[in-house]
Amino acid sequence: MGYGSWNSADWKKYSSARISGKKVNDIYKATSIDPKYDPKKIKFRESLDSADHPVTTPIIIGLDVTGSMSDLLDVTAKRLGEMVKDIIERQPVEGPQIMFCAVGDSRCDRSPLQATQFESDIRIASQLTELWFERGGGGNNFESYPLVWYLAANKTKTDAWNKRRQKGVIFTLGDDGFPEKLLAKEIERVFGDYVKEDIDTEALLAQVSRRYDVFHLMVMDRRNESVVKLPKWRKLMGERAISVTDVNAIPEIIVSLLESVAGRDTEDIINSWDGDTQLAVRNAIGGLPTRKRSVMNGIFRF
């Protein structure tokens, strides 16, 4: 997938009709999973080069759709156009193709994972708003964010990797912890895949990191529960566990992280934003080292 190109006029028309001025419940109207986003029905999600986009970069954004995440989903929908526009204009990656995932709790939710196609045009927005905001979660101090990693590692084909050995980028976003393992029975229920044994989250992260740069954006909640859970994320992912103090700045934080992956100087990235956005970006990426690009056999490596 991923044909066509993002057009500001298309976004303005779609946003005016479906998003602008609406409450989150009116943006995400689905009352159950759409079969086309059901992982059990997904053999592969493909990010492919085309005449429109001869060099593509797959980007996966996994959104926590449990009950506490209304603000996150609202900001993602309403500011999607700005985020895509910034990615196109600031060019941290070539040919961005975006897939959204909706993430819940695979031990109790009806549909703990949903996944759109990789898209380059207004279908990014239309498919996002077709996802089901289940508002589940099990009160067990985690959500099943690693389901996104399993999908990316086992159910995606990208020309970026297959042709150029170029990694895609994964962002999961939420305010909870993660499970130590994906249980074999969960994997079978969610994906229809039979695996012999449970998969350690750390091992799954290592697997998916071969083809994707992986980040988790930890949305810091008002009850300070996220403060307690962030160190565990940092132990798992190091500086790629990102603290988000202002949910409204998530689009700029994502763009900034893409620029960091591209090897741009951290201070230059921070200083490219103004006011409260600059502060939120500094809080998020200030601890990241600048990653220098090198070229090997004509391929950019980091």
C-alpha atoms as a PDB file:
ATOM      1  CA  MET A   1       0.000   0.000   0.000  1.00  0.00           C
ATOM      2  CA  GLY A   2       1.039   3.650   0.298  1.00  0.00           C
ATOM      3  CA  TYR A   3       0.104   4.990  -3.130  1.00  0.00           C
ATOM      4  CA  GLY A   4      -0.910   8.629  -3.571  1.00  0.00           C
ATOM      5  CA  SER A   5       0.412  11.684  -1.742  1.00  0.00           C
ATOM      6  CA  TRP A   6      -0.639  13.793   1.219  1.00  0.00           C
ATOM      7  CA  ASN A   7      -2.523  16.904   0.149  1.00  0.00           C
ATOM      8  CA  SER A   8      -3.364  19.785   2.479  1.00  0.00           C
ATOM      9  CA  ALA A   9      -6.648  20.433   0.668  1.00  0.00           C
ATOM     10  CA  ASP A  10      -7.728  16.820   1.197  1.00  0.00           C
ATOM     11  CA  TRP A  11      -6.864  17.088   4.887  1.00  0.00           C
ATOM     12  CA  LYS A  12      -8.767  20.356   5.290  1.00  0.00           C
ATOM     13  CA  LYS A  13     -11.852  18.836   3.672  1.00  0.00           C
ATOM     14  CA  TYR A  14     -11.677  15.624   5.708  1.00  0.00           C
ATOM     15  CA  SER A  15     -10.907  17.393   8.969  1.00  0.00           C
ATOM     16  CA  SER A  16     -13.787  19.846   8.511  1.00  0.00           C
ATOM     17  CA  ALA A  17     -16.245  17.035   7.877  1.00  0.00           C
ATOM     18  CA  ARG A  18     -15.056  14.416  10.354  1.00  0.00           C
ATOM     19  CA  ILE A  19     -12.755  15.861  13.032  1.00  0.00           C
ATOM     20  CA  SER A  20     -12.735  19.618  13.621  1.00  0.00           C
ATOM     21  CA  GLY A  21     -14.839  20.765  16.577  1.00  0.00           C
ATOM     22  CA  LYS A  22     -15.921  17.236  17.464  1.00  0.00           C
ATOM     23  CA  LYS A  23     -15.510  15.343  20.711  1.00  0.00           C
ATOM     24  CA  VAL A  24     -13.406  12.198  20.720  1.00  0.00           C
ATOM     25  CA  ASN A  25     -16.507   9.970  20.843  1.00  0.00           C
ATOM     26  CA  ASP A  26     -17.764  11.576  17.636  1.00  0.00           C
ATOM     27  CA  ILE A  27     -14.408  11.188  15.900  1.00  0.00           C
ATOM     28  CA  TYR A  28     -13.979   7.503  16.708  1.00  0.00           C
ATOM     29  CA  LYS A  29     -17.509   6.181  16.141  1.00  0.00           C
ATOM     30  CA  ALA A  30     -16.789   2.476  15.715  1.00  0.00           C
ATOM     31  CA  THR A  31     -18.458   0.170  18.237  1.00  0.00           C
ATOM     32  CA  SER A  32     -16.465  -2.930  17.303  1.00  0.00           C
ATOM     33  CA  ILE A  33     -13.377  -3.837  15.324  1.00  0.00           C
ATOM     34  CA  ASP A  34     -13.540  -3.406  11.554  1.00  0.00           C
ATOM     35  CA  PRO A  35     -12.614  -6.807  10.068  1.00  0.00           C
ATOM     36  CA  LYS A  36     -10.073  -5.219   7.726  1.00  0.00           C
ATOM     37  CA  TYR A  37      -8.058  -4.075  10.749  1.00  0.00           C
ATOM     38  CA  ASP A  38      -8.244  -7.424  12.576  1.00  0.00           C
ATOM     39  CA  PRO A  39      -4.741  -8.954  12.958  1.00  0.00           C
ATOM     40  CA  LYS A  40      -6.178 -12.423  12.478  1.00  0.00           C
ATOM     41  CA  LYS A  41      -7.043 -11.426   8.915  1.00  0.00           C
ATOM     42  CA  ILE A  42      -3.675  -9.810   8.189  1.00  0.00           C
ATOM     43  CA  LYS A  43      -1.124 -11.927   6.351  1.00  0.00           C
ATOM     44  CA  PHE A  44       1.208  -8.980   5.812  1.00  0.00           C
ATOM     45  CA  ARG A  45       1.107  -5.194   5.881  1.00  0.00           C
ATOM     46  CA  GLU A  46       3.282  -3.868   3.063  1.00  0.00           C
ATOM     47  CA  SER A  47       5.173  -0.599   2.686  1.00  0.00           C
ATOM     48  CA  LEU A  48       6.198  -0.478  -0.962  1.00  0.00           C
ATOM     49  CA  ASP A  49       8.087   1.907  -3.212  1.00  0.00           C
ATOM     50  CA  SER A  50       6.109   3.292  -6.151  1.00  0.00           C
ATOM     51  CA  ALA A  51       6.243   5.872  -8.916  1.00  0.00           C
ATOM     52  CA  ASP A  52       4.766   8.377  -6.443  1.00  0.00           C
ATOM     53  CA  HIS A  53       7.289   7.441  -3.743  1.00  0.00           C
ATOM     54  CA  PRO A  54      10.376   5.719  -5.166  1.00  0.00           C
ATOM     55  CA  VAL A  55      12.026   5.657  -1.723  1.00  0.00           C
ATOM     56  CA  THR A  56       9.735   4.928   1.220  1.00  0.00           C
ATOM     57  CA  THR A  57      10.034   4.812   5.008  1.00  0.00           C
ATOM     58  CA  PRO A  58       7.541   2.802   7.089  1.00  0.00           C
ATOM     59  CA  ILE A  59       6.311   4.476  10.283  1.00  0.00           C
ATOM     60  CA  ILE A  60       4.112   2.622  12.773  1.00  0.00           C
ATOM     61  CA  ILE A  61       2.250   4.563  15.488  1.00  0.00           C
ATOM     62  CA  GLY A  62       0.626   2.409  18.164  1.00  0.00           C
ATOM     63  CA  LEU A  63      -1.984   4.248  20.247  1.00  0.00           C
ATOM     64  CA  ASP A  64      -3.220   3.077  23.632  1.00  0.00           C
ATOM     65  CA  VAL A  65      -7.033   2.981  23.280  1.00  0.00           C
ATOM     66  CA  THR A  66      -7.854   2.108  26.883  1.00  0.00           C
ATOM     67  CA  GLY A  67     -10.123   4.292  28.973  1.00  0.00           C
ATOM     68  CA  SER A  68      -7.544   6.822  30.171  1.00  0.00           C
ATOM     69  CA  MET A  69      -6.316   7.805  26.720  1.00  0.00           C
ATOM     70  CA  SER A  70      -9.072  10.090  25.369  1.00  0.00           C
ATOM     71  CA  ASP A  71      -6.739  13.100  25.263  1.00  0.00           C
ATOM     72  CA  LEU A  72      -4.122  11.163  23.311  1.00  0.00           C
ATOM     73  CA  LEU A  73      -6.617  10.034  20.676  1.00  0.00           C
ATOM     74  CA  ASP A  74      -8.131  13.514  20.422  1.00  0.00           C
ATOM     75  CA  VAL A  75      -4.753  15.174  19.828  1.00  0.00           C
ATOM     76  CA  THR A  76      -3.670  12.504  17.343  1.00  0.00           C
ATOM     77  CA  ALA A  77      -6.758  12.998  15.188  1.00  0.00           C
ATOM     78  CA  LYS A  78      -6.970  16.790  15.378  1.00  0.00           C
ATOM     79  CA  ARG A  79      -3.263  17.455  14.845  1.00  0.00           C
ATOM     80  CA  LEU A  80      -2.541  14.675  12.379  1.00  0.00           C
ATOM     81  CA  GLY A  81      -2.426  17.119   9.485  1.00  0.00           C
ATOM     82  CA  GLU A  82       0.223  19.241  11.196  1.00  0.00           C
ATOM     83  CA  MET A  83       2.334  16.191  11.991  1.00  0.00           C
ATOM     84  CA  VAL A  84       2.274  14.867   8.430  1.00  0.00           C
ATOM     85  CA  LYS A  85       2.929  18.365   7.044  1.00  0.00           C
ATOM     86  CA  ASP A  86       5.957  18.747   9.332  1.00  0.00           C
ATOM     87  CA  ILE A  87       7.313  15.343   8.315  1.00  0.00           C
ATOM     88  CA  ILE A  88       6.981  16.256   4.639  1.00  0.00           C
ATOM     89  CA  GLU A  89       8.438  19.768   4.996  1.00  0.00           C
ATOM     90  CA  ARG A  90      11.234  19.001   7.496  1.00  0.00           C
ATOM     91  CA  GLN A  91      12.123  15.771   5.649  1.00  0.00           C
ATOM     92  CA  PRO A  92      13.561  13.642   8.455  1.00  0.00           C
ATOM     93  CA  VAL A  93      12.688  10.622   6.297  1.00  0.00           C
ATOM     94  CA  GLU A  94      11.924  10.010   2.639  1.00  0.00           C
ATOM     95  CA  GLY A  95       8.500   8.883   1.485  1.00  0.00           C
ATOM     96  CA  PRO A  96       6.801   8.455   4.876  1.00  0.00           C
ATOM     97  CA  GLN A  97       4.154   5.721   4.926  1.00  0.00           C
ATOM     98  CA  ILE A  98       2.173   5.651   8.170  1.00  0.00           C
ATOM     99  CA  MET A  99       0.315   2.769   9.766  1.00  0.00           C
ATOM    100  CA  PHE A 100      -1.715   3.269  12.943  1.00  0.00           C
ATOM    101  CA  CYS A 101      -2.342   0.563  15.516  1.00  0.00           C
ATOM    102  CA  ALA A 102      -4.871   0.606  18.353  1.00  0.00           C
ATOM    103  CA  VAL A 103      -3.551  -1.168  21.448  1.00  0.00           C
ATOM    104  CA  GLY A 104      -5.379  -2.532  24.470  1.00  0.00           C
ATOM    105  CA  ASP A 105      -4.908  -5.405  26.919  1.00  0.00           C
ATOM    106  CA  SER A 106      -4.677  -8.834  25.293  1.00  0.00           C
ATOM    107  CA  ARG A 107      -5.570 -10.568  28.542  1.00  0.00           C
ATOM    108  CA  CYS A 108      -9.023  -9.046  28.827  1.00  0.00           C
ATOM    109  CA  ASP A 109     -10.008  -6.781  25.901  1.00  0.00           C
ATOM    110  CA  ARG A 110     -12.155  -7.975  23.010  1.00  0.00           C
ATOM    111  CA  SER A 111      -9.879  -6.466  20.357  1.00  0.00           C
ATOM    112  CA  PRO A 112      -6.491  -5.679  21.900  1.00  0.00           C
ATOM    113  CA  LEU A 113      -4.860  -4.849  18.564  1.00  0.00           C
ATOM    114  CA  GLN A 114      -6.066  -3.201  15.364  1.00  0.00           C
ATOM    115  CA  ALA A 115      -3.829  -2.220  12.452  1.00  0.00           C
ATOM    116  CA  THR A 116      -4.439   0.031   9.446  1.00  0.00           C
ATOM    117  CA  GLN A 117      -2.515  -0.161   6.178  1.00  0.00           C
ATOM    118  CA  PHE A 118       0.691   1.754   5.496  1.00  0.00           C
ATOM    119  CA  GLU A 119      -0.577   4.860   3.700  1.00  0.00           C
ATOM    120  CA  SER A 120       0.826   8.080   2.232  1.00  0.00           C
ATOM    121  CA  ASP A 121      -2.311  10.116   1.529  1.00  0.00           C
ATOM    122  CA  ILE A 122      -5.583  11.095   3.237  1.00  0.00           C
ATOM    123  CA  ARG A 123      -6.241   7.432   3.947  1.00  0.00           C
ATOM    124  CA  ILE A 124      -3.863   7.884   6.890  1.00  0.00           C
ATOM    125  CA  ALA A 125      -6.620   9.963   8.503  1.00  0.00           C
ATOM    126  CA  SER A 126      -9.655   8.051   7.277  1.00  0.00           C
ATOM    127  CA  GLN A 127      -8.301   4.726   8.500  1.00  0.00           C
ATOM    128  CA  LEU A 128      -7.203   6.182  11.849  1.00  0.00           C
ATOM    129  CA  THR A 129     -10.731   7.355  12.601  1.00  0.00           C
ATOM    130  CA  GLU A 130     -12.172   3.957  11.676  1.00  0.00           C
ATOM    131  CA  LEU A 131     -10.336   2.312  14.569  1.00  0.00           C
ATOM    132  CA  TRP A 132     -12.385   1.239  17.577  1.00  0.00           C
ATOM    133  CA  PHE A 133     -11.726   3.173  20.778  1.00  0.00           C
ATOM    134  CA  GLU A 134     -12.513   0.182  23.005  1.00  0.00           C
ATOM    135  CA  ARG A 135     -11.783   1.893  26.349  1.00  0.00           C
ATOM    136  CA  GLY A 136     -10.757  -1.399  27.932  1.00  0.00           C
ATOM    137  CA  GLY A 137      -7.737  -2.315  30.006  1.00  0.00           C
ATOM    138  CA  GLY A 138      -7.512  -4.740  32.874  1.00  0.00           C
ATOM    139  CA  GLY A 139      -6.132  -2.910  35.895  1.00  0.00           C
ATOM    140  CA  ASN A 140      -3.028  -5.111  35.823  1.00  0.00           C
ATOM    141  CA  ASN A 141      -0.460  -2.303  35.509  1.00  0.00           C
ATOM    142  CA  PHE A 142       0.244  -2.887  31.834  1.00  0.00           C
ATOM    143  CA  GLU A 143      -1.193  -2.712  28.340  1.00  0.00           C
ATOM    144  CA  SER A 144      -0.117  -4.975  25.508  1.00  0.00           C
ATOM    145  CA  TYR A 145       2.138  -2.555  23.608  1.00  0.00           C
ATOM    146  CA  PRO A 146       4.443  -5.444  22.529  1.00  0.00           C
ATOM    147  CA  LEU A 147       1.648  -6.679  20.252  1.00  0.00           C
ATOM    148  CA  VAL A 148       2.700  -3.860  17.913  1.00  0.00           C
ATOM    149  CA  TRP A 149       6.257  -5.198  17.948  1.00  0.00           C
ATOM    150  CA  TYR A 150       5.067  -8.718  17.172  1.00  0.00           C
ATOM    151  CA  LEU A 151       3.026  -7.407  14.240  1.00  0.00           C
ATOM    152  CA  ALA A 152       5.958  -5.391  12.897  1.00  0.00           C
ATOM    153  CA  ALA A 153       8.436  -8.247  13.284  1.00  0.00           C
ATOM    154  CA  ASN A 154       6.244 -10.961  11.792  1.00  0.00           C
ATOM    155  CA  LYS A 155       3.549  -9.345   9.655  1.00  0.00           C
ATOM    156  CA  THR A 156       5.198  -6.497   7.729  1.00  0.00           C
ATOM    157  CA  LYS A 157       7.096  -6.414   4.449  1.00  0.00           C
ATOM    158  CA  THR A 158       8.903  -3.190   3.587  1.00  0.00           C
ATOM    159  CA  ASP A 159      10.899  -2.183   0.544  1.00  0.00           C
ATOM    160  CA  ALA A 160      12.925   0.040   2.854  1.00  0.00           C
ATOM    161  CA  TRP A 161      14.388  -3.064   4.478  1.00  0.00           C
ATOM    162  CA  ASN A 162      14.214  -5.584   1.648  1.00  0.00           C
ATOM    163  CA  LYS A 163      15.794  -3.277  -0.952  1.00  0.00           C
ATOM    164  CA  ARG A 164      17.964  -0.911   1.113  1.00  0.00           C
ATOM    165  CA  ARG A 165      18.386  -2.454   4.576  1.00  0.00           C
ATOM    166  CA  GLN A 166      16.851   0.757   5.925  1.00  0.00           C
ATOM    167  CA  LYS A 167      14.952   0.528   9.180  1.00  0.00           C
ATOM    168  CA  GLY A 168      11.439   1.789   9.709  1.00  0.00           C
ATOM    169  CA  VAL A 169      10.361   3.511  12.920  1.00  0.00           C
ATOM    170  CA  ILE A 170       7.863   2.383  15.568  1.00  0.00           C
ATOM    171  CA  PHE A 171       6.269   4.604  18.200  1.00  0.00           C
ATOM    172  CA  THR A 172       3.988   3.177  20.872  1.00  0.00           C
ATOM    173  CA  LEU A 173       2.175   5.714  23.043  1.00  0.00           C
ATOM    174  CA  GLY A 174       0.451   5.241  26.380  1.00  0.00           C
ATOM    175  CA  ASP A 175       0.546   5.720  30.134  1.00  0.00           C
ATOM    176  CA  ASP A 176       0.973   2.162  31.392  1.00  0.00           C
ATOM    177  CA  GLY A 177       3.584  -0.532  31.847  1.00  0.00           C
ATOM    178  CA  PHE A 178       4.247  -3.560  29.659  1.00  0.00           C
ATOM    179  CA  PRO A 179       3.898  -7.313  30.254  1.00  0.00           C
ATOM    180  CA  GLU A 180       7.023  -9.363  30.865  1.00  0.00           C
ATOM    181  CA  LYS A 181       5.857 -11.820  28.199  1.00  0.00           C
ATOM    182  CA  LEU A 182       3.393 -12.232  25.384  1.00  0.00           C
ATOM    183  CA  LEU A 183       1.669 -15.484  26.228  1.00  0.00           C
ATOM    184  CA  ALA A 184       1.409 -18.113  23.499  1.00  0.00           C
ATOM    185  CA  LYS A 185      -2.353 -18.263  24.001  1.00  0.00           C
ATOM    186  CA  GLU A 186      -2.609 -14.473  23.586  1.00  0.00           C
ATOM    187  CA  ILE A 187      -0.672 -14.599  20.325  1.00  0.00           C
ATOM    188  CA  GLU A 188      -2.983 -17.302  19.035  1.00  0.00           C
ATOM    189  CA  ARG A 189      -6.090 -15.363  20.085  1.00  0.00           C
ATOM    190  CA  VAL A 190      -4.951 -12.047  18.630  1.00  0.00           C
ATOM    191  CA  PHE A 191      -3.090 -13.159  15.490  1.00  0.00           C
ATOM    192  CA  GLY A 192      -4.231 -16.722  14.946  1.00  0.00           C
ATOM    193  CA  ASP A 193      -0.561 -17.779  15.089  1.00  0.00           C
ATOM    194  CA  TYR A 194       0.552 -20.905  16.891  1.00  0.00           C
ATOM    195  CA  VAL A 195       3.821 -20.487  18.795  1.00  0.00           C
ATOM    196  CA  LYS A 196       5.327 -23.181  20.977  1.00  0.00           C
ATOM    197  CA  GLU A 197       5.996 -21.004  24.006  1.00  0.00           C
ATOM    198  CA  ASP A 198       5.531 -17.570  25.502  1.00  0.00           C
ATOM    199  CA  ILE A 199       7.735 -14.796  24.091  1.00  0.00           C
ATOM    200  CA  ASP A 200       9.792 -12.631  26.443  1.00  0.00           C
ATOM    201  CA  THR A 201       9.185  -8.938  25.826  1.00  0.00           C
ATOM    202  CA  GLU A 202      12.916  -8.220  25.879  1.00  0.00           C
ATOM    203  CA  ALA A 203      13.560 -10.881  23.229  1.00  0.00           C
ATOM    204  CA  LEU A 204      10.702  -9.551  21.096  1.00  0.00           C
ATOM    205  CA  LEU A 205      12.137  -6.034  21.291  1.00  0.00           C
ATOM    206  CA  ALA A 206      15.508  -7.364  20.138  1.00  0.00           C
ATOM    207  CA  GLN A 207      13.825  -9.138  17.224  1.00  0.00           C
ATOM    208  CA  VAL A 208      11.818  -6.158  15.993  1.00  0.00           C
ATOM    209  CA  SER A 209      14.793  -3.804  16.466  1.00  0.00           C
ATOM    210  CA  ARG A 210      16.603  -5.566  13.634  1.00  0.00           C
ATOM    211  CA  ARG A 211      14.258  -3.877  11.145  1.00  0.00           C
ATOM    212  CA  TYR A 212      12.808  -0.938  13.094  1.00  0.00           C
ATOM    213  CA  ASP A 213      13.978   1.825  15.393  1.00  0.00           C
ATOM    214  CA  VAL A 214      11.620   1.436  18.346  1.00  0.00           C
ATOM    215  CA  PHE A 215      10.417   4.106  20.793  1.00  0.00           C
ATOM    216  CA  HIS A 216       7.812   4.176  23.543  1.00  0.00           C
ATOM    217  CA  LEU A 217       6.292   7.552  24.429  1.00  0.00           C
ATOM    218  CA  MET A 218       5.232   7.408  28.068  1.00  0.00           C
ATOM    219  CA  VAL A 219       2.379   9.846  28.648  1.00  0.00           C
ATOM    220  CA  MET A 220       2.875  11.165  32.170  1.00  0.00           C
ATOM    221  CA  ASP A 221      -0.471  11.146  33.973  1.00  0.00           C
ATOM    222  CA  ARG A 222      -1.774  13.473  36.671  1.00  0.00           C
ATOM    223  CA  ARG A 223      -1.776  10.708  39.297  1.00  0.00           C
ATOM    224  CA  ASN A 224       1.977  10.184  38.917  1.00  0.00           C
ATOM    225  CA  GLU A 225       1.486   6.457  38.240  1.00  0.00           C
ATOM    226  CA  SER A 226       3.513   6.855  35.051  1.00  0.00           C
ATOM    227  CA  VAL A 227       6.436   8.199  37.077  1.00  0.00           C
ATOM    228  CA  VAL A 228       6.597   4.844  38.858  1.00  0.00           C
ATOM    229  CA  LYS A 229       6.369   2.860  35.604  1.00  0.00           C
ATOM    230  CA  LEU A 230       8.831   4.889  33.513  1.00  0.00           C
ATOM    231  CA  PRO A 231      11.997   3.404  35.122  1.00  0.00           C
ATOM    232  CA  LYS A 232      10.940  -0.090  34.031  1.00  0.00           C
ATOM    233  CA  TRP A 233      10.540   1.165  30.477  1.00  0.00           C
ATOM    234  CA  ARG A 234      13.963   2.826  30.704  1.00  0.00           C
ATOM    235  CA  LYS A 235      15.504  -0.432  31.908  1.00  0.00           C
ATOM    236  CA  LEU A 236      14.034  -2.178  28.854  1.00  0.00           C
ATOM    237  CA  MET A 237      14.650   0.490  26.200  1.00  0.00           C
ATOM    238  CA  GLY A 238      17.146   2.962  27.607  1.00  0.00           C
ATOM    239  CA  GLU A 239      16.772   6.526  26.302  1.00  0.00           C
ATOM    240  CA  ARG A 240      14.196   5.345  23.771  1.00  0.00           C
ATOM    241  CA  ALA A 241      11.612   5.305  26.541  1.00  0.00           C
ATOM    242  CA  ILE A 242      10.466   8.907  26.135  1.00  0.00           C
ATOM    243  CA  SER A 243       8.758  10.956  28.855  1.00  0.00           C
ATOM    244  CA  VAL A 244       5.872  13.032  27.460  1.00  0.00           C
ATOM    245  CA  THR A 245       4.865  15.856  29.798  1.00  0.00           C
ATOM    246  CA  ASP A 246       2.542  17.614  27.325  1.00  0.00           C
ATOM    247  CA  VAL A 247       0.244  15.388  25.276  1.00  0.00           C
ATOM    248  CA  ASN A 248      -0.525  18.300  22.937  1.00  0.00           C
ATOM    249  CA  ALA A 249       3.105  18.267  21.756  1.00  0.00           C
ATOM    250  CA  ILE A 250       3.112  14.604  20.703  1.00  0.00           C
ATOM    251  CA  PRO A 251       3.097  15.437  16.951  1.00  0.00           C
ATOM    252  CA  GLU A 252       6.222  17.590  17.357  1.00  0.00           C
ATOM    253  CA  ILE A 253       7.863  14.972  19.577  1.00  0.00           C
ATOM    254  CA  ILE A 254       7.319  12.291  16.935  1.00  0.00           C
ATOM    255  CA  VAL A 255       8.750  14.544  14.219  1.00  0.00           C
ATOM    256  CA  SER A 256      11.710  15.371  16.477  1.00  0.00           C
ATOM    257  CA  LEU A 257      12.419  11.698  17.132  1.00  0.00           C
ATOM    258  CA  LEU A 258      12.378  11.016  13.396  1.00  0.00           C
ATOM    259  CA  GLU A 259      14.913  13.820  13.002  1.00  0.00           C
ATOM    260  CA  SER A 260      17.035  12.299  15.763  1.00  0.00           C
ATOM    261  CA  VAL A 261      16.995   8.923  14.003  1.00  0.00           C
ATOM    262  CA  ALA A 262      18.126  10.758  10.850  1.00  0.00           C
ATOM    263  CA  GLY A 263      21.217  11.964  12.716  1.00  0.00           C
ATOM    264  CA  ARG A 264      20.298  15.599  13.294  1.00  0.00           C
ATOM    265  CA  ASP A 265      21.811  17.370  16.286  1.00  0.00           C
ATOM    266  CA  THR A 266      19.622  17.159  19.385  1.00  0.00           C
ATOM    267  CA  GLU A 267      20.013  20.826  20.345  1.00  0.00           C
ATOM    268  CA  ASP A 268      19.306  21.934  16.785  1.00  0.00           C
ATOM    269  CA  ILE A 269      16.099  19.891  16.804  1.00  0.00           C
ATOM    270  CA  ILE A 270      14.983  21.350  20.138  1.00  0.00           C
ATOM    271  CA  ASN A 271      15.771  24.915  19.094  1.00  0.00           C
ATOM    272  CA  SER A 272      13.774  24.547  15.880  1.00  0.00           C
ATOM    273  CA  TRP A 273      10.571  24.730  17.957  1.00  0.00           C
ATOM    274  CA  ASP A 274       9.182  27.664  19.939  1.00  0.00           C
ATOM    275  CA  GLY A 275       7.624  28.297  23.342  1.00  0.00           C
ATOM    276  CA  ASP A 276       5.867  25.498  25.196  1.00  0.00           C
ATOM    277  CA  THR A 277       6.475  23.120  22.303  1.00  0.00           C
ATOM    278  CA  GLN A 278      10.220  23.624  22.615  1.00  0.00           C
ATOM    279  CA  LEU A 279      10.022  22.863  26.347  1.00  0.00           C
ATOM    280  CA  ALA A 280       7.993  19.695  25.762  1.00  0.00           C
ATOM    281  CA  VAL A 281      10.398  18.525  23.057  1.00  0.00           C
ATOM    282  CA  ARG A 282      13.390  19.225  25.319  1.00  0.00           C
ATOM    283  CA  ASN A 283      11.813  17.206  28.123  1.00  0.00           C
ATOM    284  CA  ALA A 284      11.227  14.367  25.675  1.00  0.00           C
ATOM    285  CA  ILE A 285      14.448  14.149  23.665  1.00  0.00           C
ATOM    286  CA  GLY A 286      16.988  16.162  25.657  1.00  0.00           C
ATOM    287  CA  GLY A 287      18.718  12.997  26.841  1.00  0.00           C
ATOM    288  CA  LEU A 288      19.134  11.486  23.383  1.00  0.00           C
ATOM    289  CA  PRO A 289      22.613  11.385  21.864  1.00  0.00           C
ATOM    290  CA  THR A 290      23.046  12.719  18.368  1.00  0.00           C
ATOM    291  CA  ARG A 291      23.381   9.777  16.014  1.00  0.00           C
ATOM    292  CA  LYS A 292      25.838  10.285  13.188  1.00  0.00           C
ATOM    293  CA  ARG A 293      25.123   8.855   9.781  1.00  0.00           C
ATOM    294  CA  SER A 294      27.656   6.702   8.026  1.00  0.00           C
ATOM    295  CA  VAL A 295      27.482   5.253   4.548  1.00  0.00           C
ATOM    296  CA  MET A 296      28.335   1.635   3.800  1.00  0.00           C
ATOM    297  CA  ASN A 297      27.978   0.224   0.294  1.00  0.00           C
ATOM    298  CA  GLY A 298      25.824   3.177  -0.644  1.00  0.00           C
ATOM    299  CA  ILE A 299      23.414   2.580   2.237  1.00  0.00           C
ATOM    300  CA  PHE A 300      22.913   4.994   5.118  1.00  0.00           C
ATOM    301  CA  ARG A 301      23.516   3.305   8.475  1.00  0.00           C
ATOM    302  CA  PHE A 302      23.276   4.663  12.015  1.00  0.00           C
END
